[in-house]
Amino acid sequence: MTDGYKDEIRKRAGLDGLDLYRVGVPSIGETYGGRFTGSRDTGGLGTGVYAFTTREAAEDNADAGQEVFVLENALSNPIRPEDFQTTVSLNDLGIEMARAATRVRRGESSFPEERDRPDRRLKRKARDVLFGTPELQDLYGFDTDEFVEDVISATALAEQSVETEPEGTVAQPINHLLWPEFDGVYPEGEAGESGTYGAVIYKTKIDECVGRRTERAEQIPADTLNDCFRRND
């Protein structure tokens, strides 16, 4: 990824970094093979710190006594699904990647078969995501086959990570697909303000911030993250 392309993403965002609003102390959510599996309905936007895109949405979702933290400059080059349905499709793609891995793990399929079967839900969701996400179109155009190839490769890589990395530290397949070109997901409009979806800062960015591999449900103080994000501004 060239610096020029990253600058273009920031230009499209309209600012150097995007603030997020977290209810409660930030923590690592939706790690792969633990909290997040193919049986989930949500959490498929990726592994990392989830937050809201507006303060109002965070405050509306906070219980009595819960603090809302501002994560300043939290995302500098996210993908930005342009409508609610594309965010749903991105979440579903993350789930379908995990389901494909499960089929391969059980010996019911192989990664080449998952890639080549045109009837697979994974392939349909990949097309929906690509066609509704400008940042991905900058990379792939409308070449669904190339995108699906990378989807499968990322899924295989995540499965390898489950075998070699400590339990509770592995990022979802969709993280492997989008990082490092993108540091998270920032849904436009309603989806980013939803307690069902919201935005996510990818785990690898958090790991680089704190200088170690974070674990499932580990809390990282907002001040720690903000110090990192300011240094990266």
C-alpha atoms as a PDB file:
ATOM      1  CA  MET A   1       0.000   0.000   0.000  1.00  0.00           C
ATOM      2  CA  THR A   2       1.559   3.283  -1.098  1.00  0.00           C
ATOM      3  CA  ASP A   3       1.596   6.435   0.990  1.00  0.00           C
ATOM      4  CA  GLY A   4      -0.275   8.157  -1.821  1.00  0.00           C
ATOM      5  CA  TYR A   5      -3.140   5.705  -1.596  1.00  0.00           C
ATOM      6  CA  LYS A   6      -3.337   6.126   2.195  1.00  0.00           C
ATOM      7  CA  ASP A   7      -3.405   9.894   1.719  1.00  0.00           C
ATOM      8  CA  GLU A   8      -6.291   9.462  -0.691  1.00  0.00           C
ATOM      9  CA  ILE A   9      -8.230   7.430   1.879  1.00  0.00           C
ATOM     10  CA  ARG A  10      -7.666  10.161   4.459  1.00  0.00           C
ATOM     11  CA  LYS A  11      -8.710  12.794   1.953  1.00  0.00           C
ATOM     12  CA  ARG A  12     -11.918  10.881   1.280  1.00  0.00           C
ATOM     13  CA  ALA A  13     -12.564  10.743   5.028  1.00  0.00           C
ATOM     14  CA  GLY A  14     -12.206  14.515   5.114  1.00  0.00           C
ATOM     15  CA  LEU A  15      -9.737  14.545   8.008  1.00  0.00           C
ATOM     16  CA  ASP A  16      -6.577  12.865   9.234  1.00  0.00           C
ATOM     17  CA  GLY A  17      -8.296  10.553  11.677  1.00  0.00           C
ATOM     18  CA  LEU A  18     -11.771   9.513  12.734  1.00  0.00           C
ATOM     19  CA  ASP A  19     -12.863   9.654  16.363  1.00  0.00           C
ATOM     20  CA  LEU A  20     -14.839   6.818  17.948  1.00  0.00           C
ATOM     21  CA  TYR A  21     -16.891   6.662  21.127  1.00  0.00           C
ATOM     22  CA  ARG A  22     -16.596   3.671  23.422  1.00  0.00           C
ATOM     23  CA  VAL A  23     -19.026   2.670  26.171  1.00  0.00           C
ATOM     24  CA  GLY A  24     -16.881   1.432  29.041  1.00  0.00           C
ATOM     25  CA  VAL A  25     -13.159   0.696  29.063  1.00  0.00           C
ATOM     26  CA  PRO A  26     -11.981  -0.418  25.590  1.00  0.00           C
ATOM     27  CA  SER A  27     -11.370  -4.151  25.345  1.00  0.00           C
ATOM     28  CA  ILE A  28     -10.486  -6.721  22.709  1.00  0.00           C
ATOM     29  CA  GLY A  29     -13.590  -8.330  21.235  1.00  0.00           C
ATOM     30  CA  GLU A  30     -14.467 -11.122  18.828  1.00  0.00           C
ATOM     31  CA  THR A  31     -11.211 -13.092  18.803  1.00  0.00           C
ATOM     32  CA  TYR A  32     -11.211 -15.970  16.358  1.00  0.00           C
ATOM     33  CA  GLY A  33     -11.830 -19.516  17.500  1.00  0.00           C
ATOM     34  CA  GLY A  34     -12.961 -18.345  20.927  1.00  0.00           C
ATOM     35  CA  ARG A  35     -15.588 -15.639  21.164  1.00  0.00           C
ATOM     36  CA  PHE A  36     -16.124 -15.499  17.408  1.00  0.00           C
ATOM     37  CA  THR A  37     -17.038 -18.570  15.358  1.00  0.00           C
ATOM     38  CA  GLY A  38     -19.133 -19.285  12.297  1.00  0.00           C
ATOM     39  CA  SER A  39     -22.139 -19.850  14.556  1.00  0.00           C
ATOM     40  CA  ARG A  40     -22.340 -16.146  15.440  1.00  0.00           C
ATOM     41  CA  ASP A  41     -24.790 -13.700  13.886  1.00  0.00           C
ATOM     42  CA  THR A  42     -22.751 -10.578  14.643  1.00  0.00           C
ATOM     43  CA  GLY A  43     -19.133  -9.666  15.306  1.00  0.00           C
ATOM     44  CA  GLY A  44     -18.083 -10.441  11.749  1.00  0.00           C
ATOM     45  CA  LEU A  45     -16.632  -6.989  11.087  1.00  0.00           C
ATOM     46  CA  GLY A  46     -13.443  -8.223  12.702  1.00  0.00           C
ATOM     47  CA  THR A  47     -11.451  -8.710  15.886  1.00  0.00           C
ATOM     48  CA  GLY A  48     -10.535  -5.602  17.851  1.00  0.00           C
ATOM     49  CA  VAL A  49     -11.988  -2.738  19.863  1.00  0.00           C
ATOM     50  CA  TYR A  50     -15.598  -1.965  18.977  1.00  0.00           C
ATOM     51  CA  ALA A  51     -17.065   1.510  19.454  1.00  0.00           C
ATOM     52  CA  PHE A  52     -19.714   3.864  18.103  1.00  0.00           C
ATOM     53  CA  THR A  53     -19.205   6.457  15.397  1.00  0.00           C
ATOM     54  CA  THR A  54     -21.077   9.200  17.284  1.00  0.00           C
ATOM     55  CA  ARG A  55     -21.125  10.331  20.900  1.00  0.00           C
ATOM     56  CA  GLU A  56     -24.933  10.416  20.863  1.00  0.00           C
ATOM     57  CA  ALA A  57     -25.151   6.741  19.925  1.00  0.00           C
ATOM     58  CA  ALA A  58     -22.662   5.764  22.641  1.00  0.00           C
ATOM     59  CA  GLU A  59     -24.538   7.740  25.287  1.00  0.00           C
ATOM     60  CA  ASP A  60     -27.848   6.226  24.185  1.00  0.00           C
ATOM     61  CA  ASN A  61     -26.368   2.729  24.595  1.00  0.00           C
ATOM     62  CA  ALA A  62     -24.662   3.375  27.944  1.00  0.00           C
ATOM     63  CA  ASP A  63     -26.208   1.969  31.097  1.00  0.00           C
ATOM     64  CA  ALA A  64     -26.411   4.072  34.226  1.00  0.00           C
ATOM     65  CA  GLY A  65     -22.927   4.716  35.578  1.00  0.00           C
ATOM     66  CA  GLN A  66     -21.104   3.646  32.403  1.00  0.00           C
ATOM     67  CA  GLU A  67     -18.578   6.126  31.094  1.00  0.00           C
ATOM     68  CA  VAL A  68     -18.278   7.037  27.420  1.00  0.00           C
ATOM     69  CA  PHE A  69     -14.655   7.375  26.276  1.00  0.00           C
ATOM     70  CA  VAL A  70     -13.559   9.309  23.201  1.00  0.00           C
ATOM     71  CA  LEU A  71     -10.956   7.466  21.134  1.00  0.00           C
ATOM     72  CA  GLU A  72      -9.362  10.309  19.217  1.00  0.00           C
ATOM     73  CA  ASN A  73      -7.926   9.754  15.740  1.00  0.00           C
ATOM     74  CA  ALA A  74      -8.792   6.083  16.211  1.00  0.00           C
ATOM     75  CA  LEU A  75      -9.041   5.178  12.529  1.00  0.00           C
ATOM     76  CA  SER A  76      -6.907   6.736   9.820  1.00  0.00           C
ATOM     77  CA  ASN A  77      -7.576   4.416   6.868  1.00  0.00           C
ATOM     78  CA  PRO A  78     -10.680   2.317   7.498  1.00  0.00           C
ATOM     79  CA  ILE A  79     -12.973   0.820   4.950  1.00  0.00           C
ATOM     80  CA  ARG A  80     -16.305   2.639   5.018  1.00  0.00           C
ATOM     81  CA  PRO A  81     -19.312   0.583   3.887  1.00  0.00           C
ATOM     82  CA  GLU A  82     -21.531   3.141   2.235  1.00  0.00           C
ATOM     83  CA  ASP A  83     -24.891   1.968   3.551  1.00  0.00           C
ATOM     84  CA  PHE A  84     -26.458  -0.207   6.223  1.00  0.00           C
ATOM     85  CA  GLN A  85     -26.931  -3.224   3.966  1.00  0.00           C
ATOM     86  CA  THR A  86     -23.276  -3.233   2.896  1.00  0.00           C
ATOM     87  CA  THR A  87     -22.280  -3.272   6.570  1.00  0.00           C
ATOM     88  CA  VAL A  88     -24.586  -6.248   7.095  1.00  0.00           C
ATOM     89  CA  SER A  89     -22.985  -7.963   4.096  1.00  0.00           C
ATOM     90  CA  LEU A  90     -19.486  -7.277   5.464  1.00  0.00           C
ATOM     91  CA  ASN A  91     -20.496  -8.785   8.809  1.00  0.00           C
ATOM     92  CA  ASP A  92     -21.989 -11.770   6.994  1.00  0.00           C
ATOM     93  CA  LEU A  93     -18.851 -12.188   4.888  1.00  0.00           C
ATOM     94  CA  GLY A  94     -16.785 -12.409   8.074  1.00  0.00           C
ATOM     95  CA  ILE A  95     -19.134 -15.105   9.345  1.00  0.00           C
ATOM     96  CA  GLU A  96     -19.064 -16.995   6.048  1.00  0.00           C
ATOM     97  CA  MET A  97     -15.259 -16.982   6.067  1.00  0.00           C
ATOM     98  CA  ALA A  98     -15.340 -18.649   9.481  1.00  0.00           C
ATOM     99  CA  ARG A  99     -17.928 -21.168   8.272  1.00  0.00           C
ATOM    100  CA  ALA A 100     -15.795 -22.016   5.256  1.00  0.00           C
ATOM    101  CA  ALA A 101     -12.851 -22.658   7.571  1.00  0.00           C
ATOM    102  CA  THR A 102     -15.025 -24.940   9.698  1.00  0.00           C
ATOM    103  CA  ARG A 103     -16.025 -26.994   6.657  1.00  0.00           C
ATOM    104  CA  VAL A 104     -12.390 -27.381   5.652  1.00  0.00           C
ATOM    105  CA  ARG A 105     -11.388 -28.290   9.207  1.00  0.00           C
ATOM    106  CA  ARG A 106     -14.040 -31.016   9.281  1.00  0.00           C
ATOM    107  CA  GLY A 107     -12.883 -32.439   5.962  1.00  0.00           C
ATOM    108  CA  GLU A 108     -16.152 -31.540   4.249  1.00  0.00           C
ATOM    109  CA  SER A 109     -14.476 -29.226   1.742  1.00  0.00           C
ATOM    110  CA  SER A 110     -11.164 -27.655   0.777  1.00  0.00           C
ATOM    111  CA  PHE A 111     -10.158 -24.038   0.332  1.00  0.00           C
ATOM    112  CA  PRO A 112      -9.959 -24.399  -3.485  1.00  0.00           C
ATOM    113  CA  GLU A 113     -13.476 -25.874  -3.457  1.00  0.00           C
ATOM    114  CA  GLU A 114     -14.742 -23.004  -1.330  1.00  0.00           C
ATOM    115  CA  ARG A 115     -13.258 -20.572  -3.816  1.00  0.00           C
ATOM    116  CA  ASP A 116     -14.631 -22.221  -6.947  1.00  0.00           C
ATOM    117  CA  ARG A 117     -18.202 -23.142  -6.013  1.00  0.00           C
ATOM    118  CA  PRO A 118     -20.400 -20.393  -7.512  1.00  0.00           C
ATOM    119  CA  ASP A 119     -23.380 -21.283  -5.322  1.00  0.00           C
ATOM    120  CA  ARG A 120     -21.594 -20.526  -2.080  1.00  0.00           C
ATOM    121  CA  ARG A 121     -23.066 -17.793   0.113  1.00  0.00           C
ATOM    122  CA  LEU A 122     -19.498 -16.624   0.752  1.00  0.00           C
ATOM    123  CA  LYS A 123     -19.059 -15.685  -2.896  1.00  0.00           C
ATOM    124  CA  ARG A 124     -22.359 -13.807  -2.993  1.00  0.00           C
ATOM    125  CA  LYS A 125     -21.528 -11.839   0.145  1.00  0.00           C
ATOM    126  CA  ALA A 126     -18.071 -11.012  -1.196  1.00  0.00           C
ATOM    127  CA  ARG A 127     -19.671  -9.504  -4.295  1.00  0.00           C
ATOM    128  CA  ASP A 128     -22.104  -7.448  -2.190  1.00  0.00           C
ATOM    129  CA  VAL A 129     -19.253  -6.092  -0.073  1.00  0.00           C
ATOM    130  CA  LEU A 130     -17.047  -5.249  -3.036  1.00  0.00           C
ATOM    131  CA  PHE A 131     -19.811  -3.449  -4.906  1.00  0.00           C
ATOM    132  CA  GLY A 132     -20.786  -1.396  -1.836  1.00  0.00           C
ATOM    133  CA  THR A 133     -17.336  -0.348  -0.578  1.00  0.00           C
ATOM    134  CA  PRO A 134     -15.464   2.348  -2.551  1.00  0.00           C
ATOM    135  CA  GLU A 135     -12.113   1.640  -0.869  1.00  0.00           C
ATOM    136  CA  LEU A 136     -12.219  -1.990  -1.995  1.00  0.00           C
ATOM    137  CA  GLN A 137     -13.172  -0.941  -5.508  1.00  0.00           C
ATOM    138  CA  ASP A 138     -10.023   1.182  -5.575  1.00  0.00           C
ATOM    139  CA  LEU A 139      -8.054  -2.032  -5.034  1.00  0.00           C
ATOM    140  CA  TYR A 140     -10.068  -4.568  -7.020  1.00  0.00           C
ATOM    141  CA  GLY A 141     -12.276  -2.624  -9.388  1.00  0.00           C
ATOM    142  CA  PHE A 142     -15.276  -4.919  -9.799  1.00  0.00           C
ATOM    143  CA  ASP A 143     -13.197  -8.094 -10.096  1.00  0.00           C
ATOM    144  CA  THR A 144     -15.117 -10.370  -7.757  1.00  0.00           C
ATOM    145  CA  ASP A 145     -12.951 -13.392  -8.579  1.00  0.00           C
ATOM    146  CA  GLU A 146      -9.759 -11.655  -7.453  1.00  0.00           C
ATOM    147  CA  PHE A 147     -11.475 -10.475  -4.272  1.00  0.00           C
ATOM    148  CA  VAL A 148     -12.757 -13.976  -3.508  1.00  0.00           C
ATOM    149  CA  GLU A 149      -9.258 -15.363  -4.074  1.00  0.00           C
ATOM    150  CA  ASP A 150      -7.958 -13.022  -1.376  1.00  0.00           C
ATOM    151  CA  VAL A 151     -10.913 -13.875   0.878  1.00  0.00           C
ATOM    152  CA  ILE A 152      -9.988 -17.566   0.710  1.00  0.00           C
ATOM    153  CA  SER A 153      -6.286 -16.886   1.232  1.00  0.00           C
ATOM    154  CA  ALA A 154      -7.064 -14.788   4.318  1.00  0.00           C
ATOM    155  CA  THR A 155      -9.291 -17.540   5.698  1.00  0.00           C
ATOM    156  CA  ALA A 156      -6.552 -20.124   5.267  1.00  0.00           C
ATOM    157  CA  LEU A 157      -4.053 -17.816   6.962  1.00  0.00           C
ATOM    158  CA  ALA A 158      -6.343 -17.323   9.959  1.00  0.00           C
ATOM    159  CA  GLU A 159      -6.725 -21.093  10.274  1.00  0.00           C
ATOM    160  CA  GLN A 160      -2.956 -21.499  10.314  1.00  0.00           C
ATOM    161  CA  SER A 161      -2.769 -18.863  13.039  1.00  0.00           C
ATOM    162  CA  VAL A 162      -5.127 -20.879  15.243  1.00  0.00           C
ATOM    163  CA  GLU A 163      -2.571 -23.715  15.165  1.00  0.00           C
ATOM    164  CA  THR A 164       0.490 -21.573  15.881  1.00  0.00           C
ATOM    165  CA  GLU A 165      -0.596 -18.631  18.042  1.00  0.00           C
ATOM    166  CA  PRO A 166      -1.701 -18.577  21.709  1.00  0.00           C
ATOM    167  CA  GLU A 167      -5.377 -19.235  22.368  1.00  0.00           C
ATOM    168  CA  GLY A 168      -7.466 -16.086  22.622  1.00  0.00           C
ATOM    169  CA  THR A 169      -5.083 -13.937  20.595  1.00  0.00           C
ATOM    170  CA  VAL A 170      -6.005 -14.828  17.004  1.00  0.00           C
ATOM    171  CA  ALA A 171      -7.716 -12.319  14.700  1.00  0.00           C
ATOM    172  CA  GLN A 172     -10.586 -13.288  12.447  1.00  0.00           C
ATOM    173  CA  PRO A 173     -10.109 -14.141   8.772  1.00  0.00           C
ATOM    174  CA  ILE A 174     -11.556 -10.786   7.760  1.00  0.00           C
ATOM    175  CA  ASN A 175      -8.773  -9.032   9.699  1.00  0.00           C
ATOM    176  CA  HIS A 176      -6.245 -10.969   7.620  1.00  0.00           C
ATOM    177  CA  LEU A 177      -8.115  -9.884   4.497  1.00  0.00           C
ATOM    178  CA  LEU A 178      -8.175  -6.158   5.250  1.00  0.00           C
ATOM    179  CA  TRP A 179      -5.104  -5.436   7.397  1.00  0.00           C
ATOM    180  CA  PRO A 180      -2.692  -3.660   6.882  1.00  0.00           C
ATOM    181  CA  GLU A 181      -4.294  -1.799   3.983  1.00  0.00           C
ATOM    182  CA  PHE A 182      -7.123  -0.827   6.349  1.00  0.00           C
ATOM    183  CA  ASP A 183      -6.939  -0.320  10.088  1.00  0.00           C
ATOM    184  CA  GLY A 184     -10.582  -1.056  10.796  1.00  0.00           C
ATOM    185  CA  VAL A 185     -14.163  -0.540   9.704  1.00  0.00           C
ATOM    186  CA  TYR A 186     -16.132   2.708   9.941  1.00  0.00           C
ATOM    187  CA  PRO A 187     -19.700   2.147   8.712  1.00  0.00           C
ATOM    188  CA  GLU A 188     -21.485   5.169   7.365  1.00  0.00           C
ATOM    189  CA  GLY A 189     -24.712   6.323   9.001  1.00  0.00           C
ATOM    190  CA  GLU A 190     -27.020   4.086  10.990  1.00  0.00           C
ATOM    191  CA  ALA A 191     -24.841   0.979  11.098  1.00  0.00           C
ATOM    192  CA  GLY A 192     -21.984   2.821  12.807  1.00  0.00           C
ATOM    193  CA  GLU A 193     -24.405   4.102  15.440  1.00  0.00           C
ATOM    194  CA  SER A 194     -25.908   0.668  16.014  1.00  0.00           C
ATOM    195  CA  GLY A 195     -25.242  -1.499  19.032  1.00  0.00           C
ATOM    196  CA  THR A 196     -25.466  -4.465  16.683  1.00  0.00           C
ATOM    197  CA  TYR A 197     -22.596  -3.399  14.406  1.00  0.00           C
ATOM    198  CA  GLY A 198     -20.725  -0.165  15.185  1.00  0.00           C
ATOM    199  CA  ALA A 199     -17.129   0.479  14.161  1.00  0.00           C
ATOM    200  CA  VAL A 200     -14.006  -1.540  14.969  1.00  0.00           C
ATOM    201  CA  ILE A 201     -10.316  -0.773  15.368  1.00  0.00           C
ATOM    202  CA  TYR A 202      -8.414  -3.857  14.256  1.00  0.00           C
ATOM    203  CA  LYS A 203      -6.536  -5.874  16.834  1.00  0.00           C
ATOM    204  CA  THR A 204      -3.143  -5.646  15.128  1.00  0.00           C
ATOM    205  CA  LYS A 205      -3.283  -1.849  15.414  1.00  0.00           C
ATOM    206  CA  ILE A 206      -4.014  -2.219  19.124  1.00  0.00           C
ATOM    207  CA  ASP A 207      -1.176  -4.758  19.488  1.00  0.00           C
ATOM    208  CA  GLU A 208       1.248  -2.373  17.830  1.00  0.00           C
ATOM    209  CA  CYS A 209       0.023   0.394  20.107  1.00  0.00           C
ATOM    210  CA  VAL A 210       0.673  -1.477  23.372  1.00  0.00           C
ATOM    211  CA  GLY A 211       3.744  -3.325  22.076  1.00  0.00           C
ATOM    212  CA  ARG A 212       2.540  -6.887  22.667  1.00  0.00           C
ATOM    213  CA  ARG A 213      -0.076  -9.413  21.636  1.00  0.00           C
ATOM    214  CA  THR A 214      -3.380  -8.612  23.311  1.00  0.00           C
ATOM    215  CA  GLU A 215      -5.815 -11.318  24.400  1.00  0.00           C
ATOM    216  CA  ARG A 216      -9.557 -11.948  24.324  1.00  0.00           C
ATOM    217  CA  ALA A 217     -11.502  -9.480  26.514  1.00  0.00           C
ATOM    218  CA  GLU A 218      -8.297  -7.705  27.618  1.00  0.00           C
ATOM    219  CA  GLN A 219      -8.938  -4.111  28.637  1.00  0.00           C
ATOM    220  CA  ILE A 220      -6.752  -1.287  27.337  1.00  0.00           C
ATOM    221  CA  PRO A 221      -7.297   2.139  28.933  1.00  0.00           C
ATOM    222  CA  ALA A 222      -8.591   4.802  26.568  1.00  0.00           C
ATOM    223  CA  ASP A 223      -5.715   7.092  27.579  1.00  0.00           C
ATOM    224  CA  THR A 224      -3.214   4.451  26.422  1.00  0.00           C
ATOM    225  CA  LEU A 225      -4.894   4.182  23.043  1.00  0.00           C
ATOM    226  CA  ASN A 226      -5.222   7.930  22.645  1.00  0.00           C
ATOM    227  CA  ASP A 227      -1.521   8.399  23.331  1.00  0.00           C
ATOM    228  CA  CYS A 228      -0.739   5.952  20.519  1.00  0.00           C
ATOM    229  CA  PHE A 229      -3.238   7.446  18.107  1.00  0.00           C
ATOM    230  CA  ARG A 230      -1.897  10.956  18.682  1.00  0.00           C
ATOM    231  CA  ARG A 231       1.642   9.793  17.961  1.00  0.00           C
ATOM    232  CA  ASN A 232       0.408   8.327  14.694  1.00  0.00           C
ATOM    233  CA  ASP A 233      -1.436  11.496  13.672  1.00  0.00           C
END
